[in-house]
Amino acid sequence: MKLVIAVFDSGVLPDFMAVLEELGLRRWTRWSDAHGAGERNTREGTPIWPGLNEVMLLVLPPEQVQPLVDRCHEVRRSFPLEPGMKFIVTDCEIL
């Protein structure tokens, strides 16, 4: 199994959830209002550093990872200004 950690701009959440539904991925855990600094900018939910992130965890069979990443990046490219979106994928074991 693979652990997918998706970190993305909170404005993308409805689109991200639509991708999960489209791909039939119904098991996930989400943290909202995550603060951070990355390639795009700092997000702290303040007037100086506006915006927040979402963090989503999914445990998937290996063959489901790339379709998720590809579809989410399609959505990302559909915005006039591409929002921040990164995926971290690693092996995992469910105990």
PDB file of N, CA and C in Angstrom:
ATOM      1  N   MET A   1       0.842  -1.181   0.000  1.00  0.00           N
ATOM      2  CA  MET A   1       0.000   0.000   0.000  1.00  0.00           C
ATOM      3  C   MET A   1       0.882   1.236   0.000  1.00  0.00           C
ATOM      4  N   LYS A   2       0.301   2.336  -0.440  1.00  0.00           N
ATOM      5  CA  LYS A   2       1.000   3.622  -0.493  1.00  0.00           C
ATOM      6  C   LYS A   2       0.261   4.635   0.372  1.00  0.00           C
ATOM      7  N   LEU A   3       1.035   5.430   1.077  1.00  0.00           N
ATOM      8  CA  LEU A   3       0.484   6.555   1.818  1.00  0.00           C
ATOM      9  C   LEU A   3       0.680   7.788   0.953  1.00  0.00           C
ATOM     10  N   VAL A   4      -0.416   8.459   0.634  1.00  0.00           N
ATOM     11  CA  VAL A   4      -0.375   9.689  -0.153  1.00  0.00           C
ATOM     12  C   VAL A   4      -0.713  10.837   0.787  1.00  0.00           C
ATOM     13  N   ILE A   5       0.202  11.791   0.867  1.00  0.00           N
ATOM     14  CA  ILE A   5      -0.036  13.013   1.629  1.00  0.00           C
ATOM     15  C   ILE A   5      -0.160  14.126   0.597  1.00  0.00           C
ATOM     16  N   ALA A   6      -1.343  14.702   0.494  1.00  0.00           N
ATOM     17  CA  ALA A   6      -1.582  15.798  -0.441  1.00  0.00           C
ATOM     18  C   ALA A   6      -1.671  17.091   0.361  1.00  0.00           C
ATOM     19  N   VAL A   7      -0.918  18.093  -0.048  1.00  0.00           N
ATOM     20  CA  VAL A   7      -0.965  19.414   0.571  1.00  0.00           C
ATOM     21  C   VAL A   7      -1.328  20.389  -0.538  1.00  0.00           C
ATOM     22  N   PHE A   8      -2.413  21.142  -0.325  1.00  0.00           N
ATOM     23  CA  PHE A   8      -2.885  22.014  -1.397  1.00  0.00           C
ATOM     24  C   PHE A   8      -3.606  23.228  -0.838  1.00  0.00           C
ATOM     25  N   ASP A   9      -3.680  24.257  -1.656  1.00  0.00           N
ATOM     26  CA  ASP A   9      -4.368  25.501  -1.320  1.00  0.00           C
ATOM     27  C   ASP A   9      -5.823  25.199  -0.966  1.00  0.00           C
ATOM     28  N   SER A  10      -6.302  25.778   0.113  1.00  0.00           N
ATOM     29  CA  SER A  10      -7.665  25.481   0.579  1.00  0.00           C
ATOM     30  C   SER A  10      -8.728  25.840  -0.452  1.00  0.00           C
ATOM     31  N   GLY A  11      -8.447  26.769  -1.347  1.00  0.00           N
ATOM     32  CA  GLY A  11      -9.413  27.118  -2.378  1.00  0.00           C
ATOM     33  C   GLY A  11      -9.683  25.997  -3.366  1.00  0.00           C
ATOM     34  N   VAL A  12      -8.814  25.011  -3.407  1.00  0.00           N
ATOM     35  CA  VAL A  12      -8.948  23.886  -4.335  1.00  0.00           C
ATOM     36  C   VAL A  12      -9.784  22.750  -3.726  1.00  0.00           C
ATOM     37  N   LEU A  13     -10.120  22.847  -2.447  1.00  0.00           N
ATOM     38  CA  LEU A  13     -10.785  21.739  -1.756  1.00  0.00           C
ATOM     39  C   LEU A  13     -12.005  21.188  -2.494  1.00  0.00           C
ATOM     40  N   PRO A  14     -12.961  22.018  -2.951  1.00  0.00           N
ATOM     41  CA  PRO A  14     -14.123  21.427  -3.640  1.00  0.00           C
ATOM     42  C   PRO A  14     -13.718  20.616  -4.878  1.00  0.00           C
ATOM     43  N   ASP A  15     -12.734  21.105  -5.609  1.00  0.00           N
ATOM     44  CA  ASP A  15     -12.276  20.399  -6.806  1.00  0.00           C
ATOM     45  C   ASP A  15     -11.551  19.107  -6.441  1.00  0.00           C
ATOM     46  N   PHE A  16     -10.743  19.156  -5.381  1.00  0.00           N
ATOM     47  CA  PHE A  16     -10.032  17.968  -4.919  1.00  0.00           C
ATOM     48  C   PHE A  16     -11.032  16.896  -4.494  1.00  0.00           C
ATOM     49  N   MET A  17     -12.057  17.300  -3.747  1.00  0.00           N
ATOM     50  CA  MET A  17     -13.071  16.345  -3.302  1.00  0.00           C
ATOM     51  C   MET A  17     -13.827  15.756  -4.495  1.00  0.00           C
ATOM     52  N   ALA A  18     -14.059  16.558  -5.515  1.00  0.00           N
ATOM     53  CA  ALA A  18     -14.729  16.056  -6.722  1.00  0.00           C
ATOM     54  C   ALA A  18     -13.877  14.997  -7.421  1.00  0.00           C
ATOM     55  N   VAL A  19     -12.560  15.195  -7.431  1.00  0.00           N
ATOM     56  CA  VAL A  19     -11.661  14.192  -8.021  1.00  0.00           C
ATOM     57  C   VAL A  19     -11.738  12.894  -7.225  1.00  0.00           C
ATOM     58  N   LEU A  20     -11.720  12.998  -5.900  1.00  0.00           N
ATOM     59  CA  LEU A  20     -11.826  11.777  -5.082  1.00  0.00           C
ATOM     60  C   LEU A  20     -13.118  11.031  -5.401  1.00  0.00           C
ATOM     61  N   GLU A  21     -14.204  11.773  -5.515  1.00  0.00           N
ATOM     62  CA  GLU A  21     -15.497  11.149  -5.838  1.00  0.00           C
ATOM     63  C   GLU A  21     -15.454  10.511  -7.229  1.00  0.00           C
ATOM     64  N   GLU A  22     -14.912  11.239  -8.188  1.00  0.00           N
ATOM     65  CA  GLU A  22     -14.797  10.745  -9.568  1.00  0.00           C
ATOM     66  C   GLU A  22     -14.016   9.434  -9.635  1.00  0.00           C
ATOM     67  N   LEU A  23     -12.955   9.332  -8.824  1.00  0.00           N
ATOM     68  CA  LEU A  23     -12.106   8.140  -8.831  1.00  0.00           C
ATOM     69  C   LEU A  23     -12.580   7.073  -7.847  1.00  0.00           C
ATOM     70  N   GLY A  24     -13.671   7.336  -7.136  1.00  0.00           N
ATOM     71  CA  GLY A  24     -14.210   6.360  -6.194  1.00  0.00           C
ATOM     72  C   GLY A  24     -13.367   6.188  -4.940  1.00  0.00           C
ATOM     73  N   LEU A  25     -12.609   7.226  -4.568  1.00  0.00           N
ATOM     74  CA  LEU A  25     -11.756   7.165  -3.374  1.00  0.00           C
ATOM     75  C   LEU A  25     -12.526   7.765  -2.209  1.00  0.00           C
ATOM     76  N   ARG A  26     -13.059   6.917  -1.359  1.00  0.00           N
ATOM     77  CA  ARG A  26     -13.966   7.366  -0.308  1.00  0.00           C
ATOM     78  C   ARG A  26     -13.386   7.274   1.101  1.00  0.00           C
ATOM     79  N   ARG A  27     -12.123   6.895   1.212  1.00  0.00           N
ATOM     80  CA  ARG A  27     -11.495   6.781   2.538  1.00  0.00           C
ATOM     81  C   ARG A  27     -10.312   7.733   2.599  1.00  0.00           C
ATOM     82  N   TRP A  28     -10.404   8.701   3.482  1.00  0.00           N
ATOM     83  CA  TRP A  28      -9.362   9.707   3.591  1.00  0.00           C
ATOM     84  C   TRP A  28      -9.448  10.378   4.953  1.00  0.00           C
ATOM     85  N   THR A  29      -8.406  11.101   5.308  1.00  0.00           N
ATOM     86  CA  THR A  29      -8.373  11.939   6.504  1.00  0.00           C
ATOM     87  C   THR A  29      -7.873  13.300   6.070  1.00  0.00           C
ATOM     88  N   ARG A  30      -8.509  14.367   6.602  1.00  0.00           N
ATOM     89  CA  ARG A  30      -8.157  15.723   6.182  1.00  0.00           C
ATOM     90  C   ARG A  30      -7.926  16.628   7.375  1.00  0.00           C
ATOM     91  N   TRP A  31      -6.888  17.447   7.269  1.00  0.00           N
ATOM     92  CA  TRP A  31      -6.663  18.539   8.216  1.00  0.00           C
ATOM     93  C   TRP A  31      -6.897  19.831   7.459  1.00  0.00           C
ATOM     94  N   SER A  32      -7.724  20.695   8.021  1.00  0.00           N
ATOM     95  CA  SER A  32      -8.008  21.988   7.402  1.00  0.00           C
ATOM     96  C   SER A  32      -7.223  23.093   8.094  1.00  0.00           C
ATOM     97  N   ASP A  33      -7.123  24.216   7.404  1.00  0.00           N
ATOM     98  CA  ASP A  33      -6.503  25.423   7.953  1.00  0.00           C
ATOM     99  C   ASP A  33      -5.055  25.200   8.371  1.00  0.00           C
ATOM    100  N   ALA A  34      -4.322  24.463   7.572  1.00  0.00           N
ATOM    101  CA  ALA A  34      -2.914  24.207   7.862  1.00  0.00           C
ATOM    102  C   ALA A  34      -2.068  25.403   7.426  1.00  0.00           C
ATOM    103  N   HIS A  35      -1.166  25.798   8.281  1.00  0.00           N
ATOM    104  CA  HIS A  35      -0.234  26.889   7.987  1.00  0.00           C
ATOM    105  C   HIS A  35       1.034  26.289   7.402  1.00  0.00           C
ATOM    106  N   GLY A  36       1.751  27.078   6.584  1.00  0.00           N
ATOM    107  CA  GLY A  36       3.014  26.581   6.070  1.00  0.00           C
ATOM    108  C   GLY A  36       3.672  27.547   5.109  1.00  0.00           C
ATOM    109  N   ALA A  37       4.862  27.195   4.702  1.00  0.00           N
ATOM    110  CA  ALA A  37       5.612  27.968   3.714  1.00  0.00           C
ATOM    111  C   ALA A  37       6.170  26.991   2.698  1.00  0.00           C
ATOM    112  N   GLY A  38       5.989  27.316   1.437  1.00  0.00           N
ATOM    113  CA  GLY A  38       6.462  26.422   0.385  1.00  0.00           C
ATOM    114  C   GLY A  38       6.969  27.197  -0.803  1.00  0.00           C
ATOM    115  N   GLU A  39       6.958  26.551  -1.967  1.00  0.00           N
ATOM    116  CA  GLU A  39       7.474  27.164  -3.186  1.00  0.00           C
ATOM    117  C   GLU A  39       6.660  28.378  -3.622  1.00  0.00           C
ATOM    118  N   ARG A  40       5.367  28.334  -3.414  1.00  0.00           N
ATOM    119  CA  ARG A  40       4.495  29.422  -3.883  1.00  0.00           C
ATOM    120  C   ARG A  40       4.551  30.636  -2.961  1.00  0.00           C
ATOM    121  N   ASN A  41       4.381  30.426  -1.658  1.00  0.00           N
ATOM    122  CA  ASN A  41       4.421  31.504  -0.679  1.00  0.00           C
ATOM    123  C   ASN A  41       4.148  30.959   0.712  1.00  0.00           C
ATOM    124  N   THR A  42       4.053  31.853   1.666  1.00  0.00           N
ATOM    125  CA  THR A  42       3.719  31.479   3.046  1.00  0.00           C
ATOM    126  C   THR A  42       2.215  31.600   3.216  1.00  0.00           C
ATOM    127  N   ARG A  43       1.633  30.665   3.949  1.00  0.00           N
ATOM    128  CA  ARG A  43       0.183  30.676   4.222  1.00  0.00           C
ATOM    129  C   ARG A  43      -0.014  30.561   5.724  1.00  0.00           C
ATOM    130  N   GLU A  44      -0.510  31.656   6.300  1.00  0.00           N
ATOM    131  CA  GLU A  44      -0.775  31.662   7.741  1.00  0.00           C
ATOM    132  C   GLU A  44      -2.163  32.163   8.073  1.00  0.00           C
ATOM    133  N   GLY A  45      -2.990  32.444   7.065  1.00  0.00           N
ATOM    134  CA  GLY A  45      -4.346  32.912   7.318  1.00  0.00           C
ATOM    135  C   GLY A  45      -4.397  34.304   7.928  1.00  0.00           C
ATOM    136  N   THR A  46      -3.378  35.132   7.661  1.00  0.00           N
ATOM    137  CA  THR A  46      -3.324  36.492   8.203  1.00  0.00           C
ATOM    138  C   THR A  46      -3.355  37.487   7.046  1.00  0.00           C
ATOM    139  N   PRO A  47      -3.606  38.773   7.340  1.00  0.00           N
ATOM    140  CA  PRO A  47      -3.576  39.762   6.262  1.00  0.00           C
ATOM    141  C   PRO A  47      -2.211  39.841   5.564  1.00  0.00           C
ATOM    142  N   ILE A  48      -1.141  39.622   6.299  1.00  0.00           N
ATOM    143  CA  ILE A  48       0.188  39.682   5.693  1.00  0.00           C
ATOM    144  C   ILE A  48       0.484  38.411   4.902  1.00  0.00           C
ATOM    145  N   TRP A  49       0.123  37.253   5.444  1.00  0.00           N
ATOM    146  CA  TRP A  49       0.320  35.963   4.769  1.00  0.00           C
ATOM    147  C   TRP A  49      -1.042  35.280   4.627  1.00  0.00           C
ATOM    148  N   PRO A  50      -1.867  35.746   3.665  1.00  0.00           N
ATOM    149  CA  PRO A  50      -3.219  35.182   3.529  1.00  0.00           C
ATOM    150  C   PRO A  50      -3.209  33.754   2.986  1.00  0.00           C
ATOM    151  N   GLY A  51      -4.344  33.133   3.137  1.00  0.00           N
ATOM    152  CA  GLY A  51      -4.528  31.785   2.617  1.00  0.00           C
ATOM    153  C   GLY A  51      -4.123  30.723   3.614  1.00  0.00           C
ATOM    154  N   LEU A  52      -4.696  29.551   3.419  1.00  0.00           N
ATOM    155  CA  LEU A  52      -4.400  28.390   4.257  1.00  0.00           C
ATOM    156  C   LEU A  52      -4.314  27.166   3.347  1.00  0.00           C
ATOM    157  N   ASN A  53      -3.815  26.086   3.897  1.00  0.00           N
ATOM    158  CA  ASN A  53      -3.696  24.831   3.161  1.00  0.00           C
ATOM    159  C   ASN A  53      -4.623  23.772   3.735  1.00  0.00           C
ATOM    160  N   GLU A  54      -4.849  22.763   2.950  1.00  0.00           N
ATOM    161  CA  GLU A  54      -5.502  21.534   3.373  1.00  0.00           C
ATOM    162  C   GLU A  54      -4.448  20.440   3.283  1.00  0.00           C
ATOM    163  N   VAL A  55      -4.523  19.481   4.183  1.00  0.00           N
ATOM    164  CA  VAL A  55      -3.651  18.311   4.140  1.00  0.00           C
ATOM    165  C   VAL A  55      -4.559  17.091   4.130  1.00  0.00           C
ATOM    166  N   MET A  56      -4.367  16.239   3.151  1.00  0.00           N
ATOM    167  CA  MET A  56      -5.206  15.049   2.995  1.00  0.00           C
ATOM    168  C   MET A  56      -4.311  13.816   3.022  1.00  0.00           C
ATOM    169  N   LEU A  57      -4.705  12.822   3.810  1.00  0.00           N
ATOM    170  CA  LEU A  57      -4.018  11.525   3.847  1.00  0.00           C
ATOM    171  C   LEU A  57      -4.911  10.485   3.195  1.00  0.00           C
ATOM    172  N   LEU A  58      -4.315   9.693   2.322  1.00  0.00           N
ATOM    173  CA  LEU A  58      -5.026   8.581   1.703  1.00  0.00           C
ATOM    174  C   LEU A  58      -4.098   7.380   1.686  1.00  0.00           C
ATOM    175  N   VAL A  59      -4.611   6.214   1.979  1.00  0.00           N
ATOM    176  CA  VAL A  59      -3.866   4.965   1.849  1.00  0.00           C
ATOM    177  C   VAL A  59      -4.481   4.239   0.656  1.00  0.00           C
ATOM    178  N   LEU A  60      -3.643   4.015  -0.363  1.00  0.00           N
ATOM    179  CA  LEU A  60      -4.139   3.489  -1.631  1.00  0.00           C
ATOM    180  C   LEU A  60      -3.274   2.353  -2.141  1.00  0.00           C
ATOM    181  N   PRO A  61      -3.877   1.471  -2.930  1.00  0.00           N
ATOM    182  CA  PRO A  61      -3.055   0.516  -3.670  1.00  0.00           C
ATOM    183  C   PRO A  61      -2.186   1.297  -4.658  1.00  0.00           C
ATOM    184  N   PRO A  62      -1.003   0.798  -4.959  1.00  0.00           N
ATOM    185  CA  PRO A  62      -0.083   1.542  -5.839  1.00  0.00           C
ATOM    186  C   PRO A  62      -0.700   1.980  -7.170  1.00  0.00           C
ATOM    187  N   GLU A  63      -1.551   1.155  -7.741  1.00  0.00           N
ATOM    188  CA  GLU A  63      -2.110   1.484  -9.059  1.00  0.00           C
ATOM    189  C   GLU A  63      -3.103   2.650  -9.033  1.00  0.00           C
ATOM    190  N   GLN A  64      -3.553   3.064  -7.854  1.00  0.00           N
ATOM    191  CA  GLN A  64      -4.492   4.184  -7.763  1.00  0.00           C
ATOM    192  C   GLN A  64      -3.806   5.526  -7.528  1.00  0.00           C
ATOM    193  N   VAL A  65      -2.517   5.499  -7.251  1.00  0.00           N
ATOM    194  CA  VAL A  65      -1.811   6.733  -6.915  1.00  0.00           C
ATOM    195  C   VAL A  65      -1.667   7.647  -8.130  1.00  0.00           C
ATOM    196  N   GLN A  66      -1.108   7.155  -9.210  1.00  0.00           N
ATOM    197  CA  GLN A  66      -0.839   8.017 -10.363  1.00  0.00           C
ATOM    198  C   GLN A  66      -2.100   8.612 -10.973  1.00  0.00           C
ATOM    199  N   PRO A  67      -3.201   7.854 -11.103  1.00  0.00           N
ATOM    200  CA  PRO A  67      -4.432   8.483 -11.599  1.00  0.00           C
ATOM    201  C   PRO A  67      -4.902   9.645 -10.715  1.00  0.00           C
ATOM    202  N   LEU A  68      -4.753   9.507  -9.404  1.00  0.00           N
ATOM    203  CA  LEU A  68      -5.128  10.600  -8.496  1.00  0.00           C
ATOM    204  C   LEU A  68      -4.248  11.818  -8.748  1.00  0.00           C
ATOM    205  N   VAL A  69      -2.949  11.615  -8.773  1.00  0.00           N
ATOM    206  CA  VAL A  69      -2.008  12.724  -8.970  1.00  0.00           C
ATOM    207  C   VAL A  69      -2.245  13.384 -10.329  1.00  0.00           C
ATOM    208  N   ASP A  70      -2.379  12.588 -11.366  1.00  0.00           N
ATOM    209  CA  ASP A  70      -2.577  13.138 -12.715  1.00  0.00           C
ATOM    210  C   ASP A  70      -3.852  13.961 -12.797  1.00  0.00           C
ATOM    211  N   ARG A  71      -4.935  13.425 -12.264  1.00  0.00           N
ATOM    212  CA  ARG A  71      -6.232  14.136 -12.339  1.00  0.00           C
ATOM    213  C   ARG A  71      -6.191  15.426 -11.523  1.00  0.00           C
ATOM    214  N   CYS A  72      -5.581  15.386 -10.345  1.00  0.00           N
ATOM    215  CA  CYS A  72      -5.485  16.594  -9.521  1.00  0.00           C
ATOM    216  C   CYS A  72      -4.636  17.659 -10.197  1.00  0.00           C
ATOM    217  N   HIS A  73      -3.559  17.259 -10.876  1.00  0.00           N
ATOM    218  CA  HIS A  73      -2.736  18.237 -11.581  1.00  0.00           C
ATOM    219  C   HIS A  73      -3.478  18.812 -12.794  1.00  0.00           C
ATOM    220  N   GLU A  74      -4.353  18.040 -13.416  1.00  0.00           N
ATOM    221  CA  GLU A  74      -5.215  18.586 -14.476  1.00  0.00           C
ATOM    222  C   GLU A  74      -6.089  19.695 -13.911  1.00  0.00           C
ATOM    223  N   VAL A  75      -6.695  19.429 -12.767  1.00  0.00           N
ATOM    224  CA  VAL A  75      -7.540  20.433 -12.107  1.00  0.00           C
ATOM    225  C   VAL A  75      -6.708  21.664 -11.769  1.00  0.00           C
ATOM    226  N   ARG A  76      -5.535  21.440 -11.230  1.00  0.00           N
ATOM    227  CA  ARG A  76      -4.645  22.545 -10.845  1.00  0.00           C
ATOM    228  C   ARG A  76      -4.345  23.437 -12.054  1.00  0.00           C
ATOM    229  N   ARG A  77      -4.061  22.830 -13.189  1.00  0.00           N
ATOM    230  CA  ARG A  77      -3.734  23.602 -14.389  1.00  0.00           C
ATOM    231  C   ARG A  77      -4.941  24.349 -14.952  1.00  0.00           C
ATOM    232  N   SER A  78      -6.153  23.999 -14.524  1.00  0.00           N
ATOM    233  CA  SER A  78      -7.350  24.667 -15.036  1.00  0.00           C
ATOM    234  C   SER A  78      -7.566  26.051 -14.419  1.00  0.00           C
ATOM    235  N   PHE A  79      -6.852  26.377 -13.352  1.00  0.00           N
ATOM    236  CA  PHE A  79      -6.990  27.683 -12.709  1.00  0.00           C
ATOM    237  C   PHE A  79      -6.133  28.716 -13.439  1.00  0.00           C
ATOM    238  N   PRO A  80      -6.599  29.977 -13.513  1.00  0.00           N
ATOM    239  CA  PRO A  80      -5.791  31.025 -14.161  1.00  0.00           C
ATOM    240  C   PRO A  80      -4.427  31.203 -13.485  1.00  0.00           C
ATOM    241  N   LEU A  81      -4.389  31.161 -12.165  1.00  0.00           N
ATOM    242  CA  LEU A  81      -3.142  31.155 -11.399  1.00  0.00           C
ATOM    243  C   LEU A  81      -3.078  29.814 -10.698  1.00  0.00           C
ATOM    244  N   GLU A  82      -2.109  28.992 -11.044  1.00  0.00           N
ATOM    245  CA  GLU A  82      -2.051  27.643 -10.489  1.00  0.00           C
ATOM    246  C   GLU A  82      -1.855  27.688  -8.974  1.00  0.00           C
ATOM    247  N   PRO A  83      -2.775  27.074  -8.242  1.00  0.00           N
ATOM    248  CA  PRO A  83      -2.635  27.023  -6.786  1.00  0.00           C
ATOM    249  C   PRO A  83      -1.540  26.035  -6.381  1.00  0.00           C
ATOM    250  N   GLY A  84      -1.055  26.203  -5.165  1.00  0.00           N
ATOM    251  CA  GLY A  84      -0.082  25.261  -4.635  1.00  0.00           C
ATOM    252  C   GLY A  84      -0.699  23.879  -4.463  1.00  0.00           C
ATOM    253  N   MET A  85       0.052  22.857  -4.820  1.00  0.00           N
ATOM    254  CA  MET A  85      -0.419  21.482  -4.675  1.00  0.00           C
ATOM    255  C   MET A  85       0.786  20.552  -4.778  1.00  0.00           C
ATOM    256  N   LYS A  86       1.010  19.792  -3.740  1.00  0.00           N
ATOM    257  CA  LYS A  86       2.116  18.822  -3.732  1.00  0.00           C
ATOM    258  C   LYS A  86       1.617  17.489  -3.202  1.00  0.00           C
ATOM    259  N   PHE A  87       2.253  16.423  -3.671  1.00  0.00           N
ATOM    260  CA  PHE A  87       1.947  15.079  -3.212  1.00  0.00           C
ATOM    261  C   PHE A  87       3.220  14.435  -2.696  1.00  0.00           C
ATOM    262  N   ILE A  88       3.134  13.819  -1.548  1.00  0.00           N
ATOM    263  CA  ILE A  88       4.216  13.020  -0.990  1.00  0.00           C
ATOM    264  C   ILE A  88       3.694  11.592  -0.955  1.00  0.00           C
ATOM    265  N   VAL A  89       4.425  10.664  -1.543  1.00  0.00           N
ATOM    266  CA  VAL A  89       3.979   9.272  -1.638  1.00  0.00           C
ATOM    267  C   VAL A  89       5.079   8.383  -1.077  1.00  0.00           C
ATOM    268  N   THR A  90       4.686   7.495  -0.173  1.00  0.00           N
ATOM    269  CA  THR A  90       5.643   6.576   0.417  1.00  0.00           C
ATOM    270  C   THR A  90       4.968   5.233   0.688  1.00  0.00           C
ATOM    271  N   ASP A  91       5.749   4.216   0.873  1.00  0.00           N
ATOM    272  CA  ASP A  91       5.192   2.906   1.232  1.00  0.00           C
ATOM    273  C   ASP A  91       4.617   2.984   2.642  1.00  0.00           C
ATOM    274  N   CYS A  92       3.595   2.194   2.890  1.00  0.00           N
ATOM    275  CA  CYS A  92       3.049   2.115   4.248  1.00  0.00           C
ATOM    276  C   CYS A  92       2.518   0.721   4.524  1.00  0.00           C
ATOM    277  N   GLU A  93       2.378   0.456   5.791  1.00  0.00           N
ATOM    278  CA  GLU A  93       1.850  -0.814   6.251  1.00  0.00           C
ATOM    279  C   GLU A  93       0.745  -0.515   7.254  1.00  0.00           C
ATOM    280  N   ILE A  94      -0.389  -1.104   7.061  1.00  0.00           N
ATOM    281  CA  ILE A  94      -1.521  -0.916   7.975  1.00  0.00           C
ATOM    282  C   ILE A  94      -1.453  -2.030   9.028  1.00  0.00           C
ATOM    283  N   LEU A  95      -1.410  -1.660  10.273  1.00  0.00           N
ATOM    284  CA  LEU A  95      -1.321  -2.648  11.346  1.00  0.00           C
ATOM    285  C   LEU A  95      -2.612  -2.703  12.132  1.00  0.00           C
TER     286      LEU A  95
END
